[in-house]
Amino acid sequence: MPHGPAEVGVGPWVGPWPTGPQYDARLLAEGDRRNVVDRYRYWTVEAIVADLDTRRHDFHVAIENWQHDFNIGTIVRTANAFLAAEVHIVGNRRWNRRGAMVTDRYQHVRHHATVADLAAHLHDRPEPVRLLGIDNLPGSEHLETMTVPRRVCFLFGQEGPGLSEGAREACDGTFSIAQFGSTRSINASAAAAIAMHSWIRAYADLGGDAAWRG
């Protein structure tokens, strides 16, 4: 007989309950079916965010939001997986959260009215963050051969039109991802994942982070 999908997570805690402010009594009693790594089972959202804040990476991700692009949620989910410092939504305050799969609860998400506002926010800090956009423009660096800055914000435009004119003007530089087929561009969320992983390959403590897989 065919079997249904395996149930995600863990059931109610068996035995004496653990003590500590990080634990959620409701989850201990009812089970924790969230999509979180085992370390965070039965923890409150606030405790998980506080723990993540002690380990966040130095890269940021920004997305222009003029057309309620469904890719935004997927980009937020990937940013959470790679532990981005922050995600920045530029333009419309409301965005399509469906693809985020509630990972935005664990990720710091800021809103900016314009890309100029975003650039000012990134540059006006003790350790400025470079704003790099992805666009196949003349003069764009190749992601595969460039040295990715440690303190960087990757900016992505809408699916189809790409970066707005204002975004191109506000960026400290642009980069492109090598393609070899017939399509003009790749999906925005796929491009974002490639860019974020390029930072992980360059700077993340992969030996230490391996313990968090699960």
C-alpha atoms as a PDB file:
ATOM      1  CA  MET A   1       0.000   0.000   0.000  1.00  0.00           C
ATOM      2  CA  PRO A   2       1.278   3.523  -0.697  1.00  0.00           C
ATOM      3  CA  HIS A   3       2.444   5.481   2.290  1.00  0.00           C
ATOM      4  CA  GLY A   4       1.788   9.140   2.982  1.00  0.00           C
ATOM      5  CA  PRO A   5       4.601  11.655   3.509  1.00  0.00           C
ATOM      6  CA  ALA A   6       6.628  11.215   6.684  1.00  0.00           C
ATOM      7  CA  GLU A   7       5.610  13.562   9.466  1.00  0.00           C
ATOM      8  CA  VAL A   8       8.046  16.429   9.948  1.00  0.00           C
ATOM      9  CA  GLY A   9       9.645  17.143  13.282  1.00  0.00           C
ATOM     10  CA  VAL A  10       9.186  15.471  16.649  1.00  0.00           C
ATOM     11  CA  GLY A  11       6.286  14.657  18.923  1.00  0.00           C
ATOM     12  CA  PRO A  12       5.661  15.689  22.539  1.00  0.00           C
ATOM     13  CA  TRP A  13       8.685  15.521  24.844  1.00  0.00           C
ATOM     14  CA  VAL A  14       8.958  12.150  26.586  1.00  0.00           C
ATOM     15  CA  GLY A  15      10.115  12.153  30.203  1.00  0.00           C
ATOM     16  CA  PRO A  16      10.962  15.054  32.512  1.00  0.00           C
ATOM     17  CA  TRP A  17      10.876  18.362  30.678  1.00  0.00           C
ATOM     18  CA  PRO A  18      14.168  20.212  30.142  1.00  0.00           C
ATOM     19  CA  THR A  19      14.584  23.505  31.953  1.00  0.00           C
ATOM     20  CA  GLY A  20      15.725  26.790  30.518  1.00  0.00           C
ATOM     21  CA  PRO A  21      14.252  30.014  29.147  1.00  0.00           C
ATOM     22  CA  GLN A  22      14.734  28.830  25.547  1.00  0.00           C
ATOM     23  CA  TYR A  23      12.060  26.130  25.767  1.00  0.00           C
ATOM     24  CA  ASP A  24       8.445  26.595  24.679  1.00  0.00           C
ATOM     25  CA  ALA A  25       6.012  24.789  26.991  1.00  0.00           C
ATOM     26  CA  ARG A  26       3.416  24.366  24.252  1.00  0.00           C
ATOM     27  CA  LEU A  27       5.909  22.731  21.920  1.00  0.00           C
ATOM     28  CA  LEU A  28       7.145  20.431  24.666  1.00  0.00           C
ATOM     29  CA  ALA A  29       3.558  19.351  25.325  1.00  0.00           C
ATOM     30  CA  GLU A  30       2.315  19.105  21.721  1.00  0.00           C
ATOM     31  CA  GLY A  31       5.456  18.402  19.694  1.00  0.00           C
ATOM     32  CA  ASP A  32       7.554  20.534  17.369  1.00  0.00           C
ATOM     33  CA  ARG A  33       6.711  20.124  13.678  1.00  0.00           C
ATOM     34  CA  ARG A  34       8.597  23.175  12.436  1.00  0.00           C
ATOM     35  CA  ASN A  35      11.273  23.029   9.750  1.00  0.00           C
ATOM     36  CA  VAL A  36      14.198  23.772  12.069  1.00  0.00           C
ATOM     37  CA  VAL A  37      17.485  21.957  12.734  1.00  0.00           C
ATOM     38  CA  ASP A  38      17.503  19.530  15.656  1.00  0.00           C
ATOM     39  CA  ARG A  39      19.376  21.929  17.941  1.00  0.00           C
ATOM     40  CA  TYR A  40      16.354  24.234  17.960  1.00  0.00           C
ATOM     41  CA  ARG A  41      13.651  21.639  18.646  1.00  0.00           C
ATOM     42  CA  TYR A  42      11.207  22.887  21.285  1.00  0.00           C
ATOM     43  CA  TRP A  43      12.855  26.347  21.406  1.00  0.00           C
ATOM     44  CA  THR A  44      10.830  29.559  21.212  1.00  0.00           C
ATOM     45  CA  VAL A  45      11.180  31.695  18.079  1.00  0.00           C
ATOM     46  CA  GLU A  46      12.728  34.472  20.173  1.00  0.00           C
ATOM     47  CA  ALA A  47      15.385  32.115  21.571  1.00  0.00           C
ATOM     48  CA  ILE A  48      16.252  30.817  18.102  1.00  0.00           C
ATOM     49  CA  VAL A  49      16.647  34.345  16.721  1.00  0.00           C
ATOM     50  CA  ALA A  50      18.822  35.361  19.683  1.00  0.00           C
ATOM     51  CA  ASP A  51      21.085  32.368  19.138  1.00  0.00           C
ATOM     52  CA  LEU A  52      21.324  32.997  15.388  1.00  0.00           C
ATOM     53  CA  ASP A  53      22.268  36.610  16.124  1.00  0.00           C
ATOM     54  CA  THR A  54      25.458  35.411  17.804  1.00  0.00           C
ATOM     55  CA  ARG A  55      26.611  33.741  14.572  1.00  0.00           C
ATOM     56  CA  ARG A  56      25.261  35.767  11.648  1.00  0.00           C
ATOM     57  CA  HIS A  57      27.488  36.288   8.624  1.00  0.00           C
ATOM     58  CA  ASP A  58      28.687  39.597   7.211  1.00  0.00           C
ATOM     59  CA  PHE A  59      26.713  39.550   3.959  1.00  0.00           C
ATOM     60  CA  HIS A  60      23.296  41.107   3.331  1.00  0.00           C
ATOM     61  CA  VAL A  61      20.729  40.489   0.616  1.00  0.00           C
ATOM     62  CA  ALA A  62      18.427  43.099  -0.924  1.00  0.00           C
ATOM     63  CA  ILE A  63      15.525  42.716  -3.343  1.00  0.00           C
ATOM     64  CA  GLU A  64      13.652  45.364  -5.280  1.00  0.00           C
ATOM     65  CA  ASN A  65       9.913  44.925  -4.741  1.00  0.00           C
ATOM     66  CA  TRP A  66       7.945  46.786  -7.396  1.00  0.00           C
ATOM     67  CA  GLN A  67       5.804  43.968  -8.792  1.00  0.00           C
ATOM     68  CA  HIS A  68       5.101  41.734  -5.764  1.00  0.00           C
ATOM     69  CA  ASP A  69       7.601  39.213  -7.112  1.00  0.00           C
ATOM     70  CA  PHE A  70       7.051  35.669  -5.845  1.00  0.00           C
ATOM     71  CA  ASN A  71      10.832  35.111  -5.839  1.00  0.00           C
ATOM     72  CA  ILE A  72      11.241  37.323  -2.773  1.00  0.00           C
ATOM     73  CA  GLY A  73      10.023  34.672  -0.350  1.00  0.00           C
ATOM     74  CA  THR A  74      12.380  32.082  -1.798  1.00  0.00           C
ATOM     75  CA  ILE A  75      15.307  34.497  -1.519  1.00  0.00           C
ATOM     76  CA  VAL A  76      14.442  35.154   2.141  1.00  0.00           C
ATOM     77  CA  ARG A  77      14.380  31.406   2.792  1.00  0.00           C
ATOM     78  CA  THR A  78      17.824  30.980   1.210  1.00  0.00           C
ATOM     79  CA  ALA A  79      19.174  33.967   3.154  1.00  0.00           C
ATOM     80  CA  ASN A  80      18.028  32.265   6.342  1.00  0.00           C
ATOM     81  CA  ALA A  81      19.704  28.995   5.314  1.00  0.00           C
ATOM     82  CA  PHE A  82      23.029  30.785   4.736  1.00  0.00           C
ATOM     83  CA  LEU A  83      22.563  32.991   7.842  1.00  0.00           C
ATOM     84  CA  ALA A  84      22.596  36.434   6.221  1.00  0.00           C
ATOM     85  CA  ALA A  85      23.023  39.440   8.477  1.00  0.00           C
ATOM     86  CA  GLU A  86      19.857  41.064   7.125  1.00  0.00           C
ATOM     87  CA  VAL A  87      17.449  40.970   4.211  1.00  0.00           C
ATOM     88  CA  HIS A  88      16.387  44.322   2.744  1.00  0.00           C
ATOM     89  CA  ILE A  89      13.144  44.856   0.838  1.00  0.00           C
ATOM     90  CA  VAL A  90      13.233  47.954  -1.379  1.00  0.00           C
ATOM     91  CA  GLY A  91      10.033  49.527  -2.643  1.00  0.00           C
ATOM     92  CA  ASN A  92       6.635  48.176  -1.652  1.00  0.00           C
ATOM     93  CA  ARG A  93       6.449  47.280   2.032  1.00  0.00           C
ATOM     94  CA  ARG A  94       4.203  44.279   1.412  1.00  0.00           C
ATOM     95  CA  TRP A  95       5.878  41.294  -0.220  1.00  0.00           C
ATOM     96  CA  ASN A  96       4.904  37.752  -1.156  1.00  0.00           C
ATOM     97  CA  ARG A  97       5.825  35.625   1.861  1.00  0.00           C
ATOM     98  CA  ARG A  98       4.619  32.327   0.467  1.00  0.00           C
ATOM     99  CA  GLY A  99       8.018  31.081  -0.663  1.00  0.00           C
ATOM    100  CA  ALA A 100       9.661  32.044   2.635  1.00  0.00           C
ATOM    101  CA  MET A 101       8.012  29.082   4.401  1.00  0.00           C
ATOM    102  CA  VAL A 102       7.915  31.159   7.652  1.00  0.00           C
ATOM    103  CA  THR A 103      11.726  31.525   7.681  1.00  0.00           C
ATOM    104  CA  ASP A 104      11.211  35.304   7.837  1.00  0.00           C
ATOM    105  CA  ARG A 105      10.412  34.766  11.537  1.00  0.00           C
ATOM    106  CA  TYR A 106      14.080  33.966  12.101  1.00  0.00           C
ATOM    107  CA  GLN A 107      15.582  36.490   9.697  1.00  0.00           C
ATOM    108  CA  HIS A 108      15.978  40.242  10.203  1.00  0.00           C
ATOM    109  CA  VAL A 109      14.049  41.914   7.371  1.00  0.00           C
ATOM    110  CA  ARG A 110      14.268  45.699   6.802  1.00  0.00           C
ATOM    111  CA  HIS A 111      12.262  47.900   4.468  1.00  0.00           C
ATOM    112  CA  HIS A 112      13.652  50.835   2.457  1.00  0.00           C
ATOM    113  CA  ALA A 113      11.627  53.151   0.247  1.00  0.00           C
ATOM    114  CA  THR A 114      14.384  53.494  -2.375  1.00  0.00           C
ATOM    115  CA  VAL A 115      17.708  51.920  -3.266  1.00  0.00           C
ATOM    116  CA  ALA A 116      19.349  55.247  -2.385  1.00  0.00           C
ATOM    117  CA  ASP A 117      17.994  54.834   1.142  1.00  0.00           C
ATOM    118  CA  LEU A 118      19.379  51.288   1.228  1.00  0.00           C
ATOM    119  CA  ALA A 119      22.796  52.469   0.046  1.00  0.00           C
ATOM    120  CA  ALA A 120      22.886  55.182   2.708  1.00  0.00           C
ATOM    121  CA  HIS A 121      21.949  52.630   5.383  1.00  0.00           C
ATOM    122  CA  LEU A 122      24.766  50.309   4.300  1.00  0.00           C
ATOM    123  CA  HIS A 123      27.429  52.984   3.879  1.00  0.00           C
ATOM    124  CA  ASP A 124      26.666  54.979   7.040  1.00  0.00           C
ATOM    125  CA  ARG A 125      28.111  52.558   9.580  1.00  0.00           C
ATOM    126  CA  PRO A 126      31.516  52.080  11.260  1.00  0.00           C
ATOM    127  CA  GLU A 127      32.319  49.261   8.832  1.00  0.00           C
ATOM    128  CA  PRO A 128      30.588  50.159   5.533  1.00  0.00           C
ATOM    129  CA  VAL A 129      28.934  47.466   3.455  1.00  0.00           C
ATOM    130  CA  ARG A 130      29.418  47.500  -0.331  1.00  0.00           C
ATOM    131  CA  LEU A 131      26.272  47.321  -2.446  1.00  0.00           C
ATOM    132  CA  LEU A 132      26.703  45.024  -5.448  1.00  0.00           C
ATOM    133  CA  GLY A 133      23.924  44.427  -7.944  1.00  0.00           C
ATOM    134  CA  ILE A 134      23.524  41.522 -10.306  1.00  0.00           C
ATOM    135  CA  ASP A 135      23.076  42.704 -13.882  1.00  0.00           C
ATOM    136  CA  ASN A 136      24.530  41.711 -17.233  1.00  0.00           C
ATOM    137  CA  LEU A 137      25.842  45.201 -17.932  1.00  0.00           C
ATOM    138  CA  PRO A 138      29.033  46.186 -19.755  1.00  0.00           C
ATOM    139  CA  GLY A 139      31.749  46.408 -17.120  1.00  0.00           C
ATOM    140  CA  SER A 140      30.097  43.950 -14.730  1.00  0.00           C
ATOM    141  CA  GLU A 141      32.579  41.706 -12.969  1.00  0.00           C
ATOM    142  CA  HIS A 142      32.309  37.949 -13.329  1.00  0.00           C
ATOM    143  CA  LEU A 143      31.162  36.403 -10.065  1.00  0.00           C
ATOM    144  CA  GLU A 144      33.256  33.329 -10.831  1.00  0.00           C
ATOM    145  CA  THR A 145      36.535  35.279 -10.872  1.00  0.00           C
ATOM    146  CA  MET A 146      35.909  38.327  -8.677  1.00  0.00           C
ATOM    147  CA  THR A 147      36.937  38.630  -5.048  1.00  0.00           C
ATOM    148  CA  VAL A 148      33.649  38.855  -3.169  1.00  0.00           C
ATOM    149  CA  PRO A 149      33.878  41.502  -0.431  1.00  0.00           C
ATOM    150  CA  ARG A 150      33.420  40.209   3.089  1.00  0.00           C
ATOM    151  CA  ARG A 151      31.028  43.028   3.978  1.00  0.00           C
ATOM    152  CA  VAL A 152      28.670  43.083   1.035  1.00  0.00           C
ATOM    153  CA  CYS A 153      25.017  43.400   0.164  1.00  0.00           C
ATOM    154  CA  PHE A 154      23.838  41.548  -2.942  1.00  0.00           C
ATOM    155  CA  LEU A 155      21.034  43.460  -4.667  1.00  0.00           C
ATOM    156  CA  PHE A 156      18.608  41.720  -7.007  1.00  0.00           C
ATOM    157  CA  GLY A 157      15.976  43.206  -9.277  1.00  0.00           C
ATOM    158  CA  GLN A 158      12.589  41.908 -10.296  1.00  0.00           C
ATOM    159  CA  GLU A 159      12.157  38.792 -12.378  1.00  0.00           C
ATOM    160  CA  GLY A 160      12.259  39.949 -16.004  1.00  0.00           C
ATOM    161  CA  PRO A 161      13.272  43.630 -15.987  1.00  0.00           C
ATOM    162  CA  GLY A 162      16.176  43.153 -13.569  1.00  0.00           C
ATOM    163  CA  LEU A 163      17.619  46.076 -11.638  1.00  0.00           C
ATOM    164  CA  SER A 164      15.873  49.418 -11.983  1.00  0.00           C
ATOM    165  CA  GLU A 165      17.781  52.399 -13.342  1.00  0.00           C
ATOM    166  CA  GLY A 166      17.928  53.932  -9.874  1.00  0.00           C
ATOM    167  CA  ALA A 167      19.364  50.722  -8.454  1.00  0.00           C
ATOM    168  CA  ARG A 168      22.110  50.611 -11.061  1.00  0.00           C
ATOM    169  CA  GLU A 169      23.098  54.177 -10.200  1.00  0.00           C
ATOM    170  CA  ALA A 170      23.154  53.479  -6.450  1.00  0.00           C
ATOM    171  CA  CYS A 171      25.269  50.311  -6.630  1.00  0.00           C
ATOM    172  CA  ASP A 172      29.000  50.364  -5.870  1.00  0.00           C
ATOM    173  CA  GLY A 173      29.410  47.840  -8.676  1.00  0.00           C
ATOM    174  CA  THR A 174      27.665  45.061 -10.557  1.00  0.00           C
ATOM    175  CA  PHE A 175      28.463  41.436 -11.267  1.00  0.00           C
ATOM    176  CA  SER A 176      27.154  38.778 -13.599  1.00  0.00           C
ATOM    177  CA  ILE A 177      26.832  34.992 -13.388  1.00  0.00           C
ATOM    178  CA  ALA A 178      28.269  33.002 -16.290  1.00  0.00           C
ATOM    179  CA  GLN A 179      25.701  31.259 -18.481  1.00  0.00           C
ATOM    180  CA  PHE A 180      26.292  28.963 -21.437  1.00  0.00           C
ATOM    181  CA  GLY A 181      22.855  28.054 -22.792  1.00  0.00           C
ATOM    182  CA  SER A 182      20.215  29.807 -24.866  1.00  0.00           C
ATOM    183  CA  THR A 183      18.246  31.537 -22.112  1.00  0.00           C
ATOM    184  CA  ARG A 184      18.884  35.247 -21.552  1.00  0.00           C
ATOM    185  CA  SER A 185      18.751  35.047 -17.760  1.00  0.00           C
ATOM    186  CA  ILE A 186      18.292  32.665 -14.863  1.00  0.00           C
ATOM    187  CA  ASN A 187      15.627  32.805 -12.191  1.00  0.00           C
ATOM    188  CA  ALA A 188      16.216  35.617  -9.663  1.00  0.00           C
ATOM    189  CA  SER A 189      16.025  33.292  -6.666  1.00  0.00           C
ATOM    190  CA  ALA A 190      18.526  30.914  -8.293  1.00  0.00           C
ATOM    191  CA  ALA A 191      20.905  33.809  -8.973  1.00  0.00           C
ATOM    192  CA  ALA A 192      20.575  34.932  -5.359  1.00  0.00           C
ATOM    193  CA  ALA A 193      21.406  31.448  -4.087  1.00  0.00           C
ATOM    194  CA  ILE A 194      24.503  31.283  -6.298  1.00  0.00           C
ATOM    195  CA  ALA A 195      25.702  34.696  -5.071  1.00  0.00           C
ATOM    196  CA  MET A 196      25.142  33.855  -1.413  1.00  0.00           C
ATOM    197  CA  HIS A 197      26.918  30.537  -1.750  1.00  0.00           C
ATOM    198  CA  SER A 198      29.897  32.272  -3.349  1.00  0.00           C
ATOM    199  CA  TRP A 199      30.226  34.254  -0.109  1.00  0.00           C
ATOM    200  CA  ILE A 200      29.901  31.065   1.963  1.00  0.00           C
ATOM    201  CA  ARG A 201      32.681  29.390  -0.023  1.00  0.00           C
ATOM    202  CA  ALA A 202      34.964  32.375   0.565  1.00  0.00           C
ATOM    203  CA  TYR A 203      34.332  33.193   4.209  1.00  0.00           C
ATOM    204  CA  ALA A 204      32.160  30.767   6.189  1.00  0.00           C
ATOM    205  CA  ASP A 205      33.632  28.502   8.851  1.00  0.00           C
ATOM    206  CA  LEU A 206      32.545  25.295   7.149  1.00  0.00           C
ATOM    207  CA  GLY A 207      34.097  23.092   9.826  1.00  0.00           C
ATOM    208  CA  GLY A 208      32.147  24.818  12.570  1.00  0.00           C
ATOM    209  CA  ASP A 209      28.973  25.219  10.566  1.00  0.00           C
ATOM    210  CA  ALA A 210      28.859  21.509   9.710  1.00  0.00           C
ATOM    211  CA  ALA A 211      27.440  20.844  13.172  1.00  0.00           C
ATOM    212  CA  TRP A 212      24.344  22.860  12.295  1.00  0.00           C
ATOM    213  CA  ARG A 213      23.251  20.743   9.366  1.00  0.00           C
ATOM    214  CA  GLY A 214      20.121  18.738   9.878  1.00  0.00           C
END
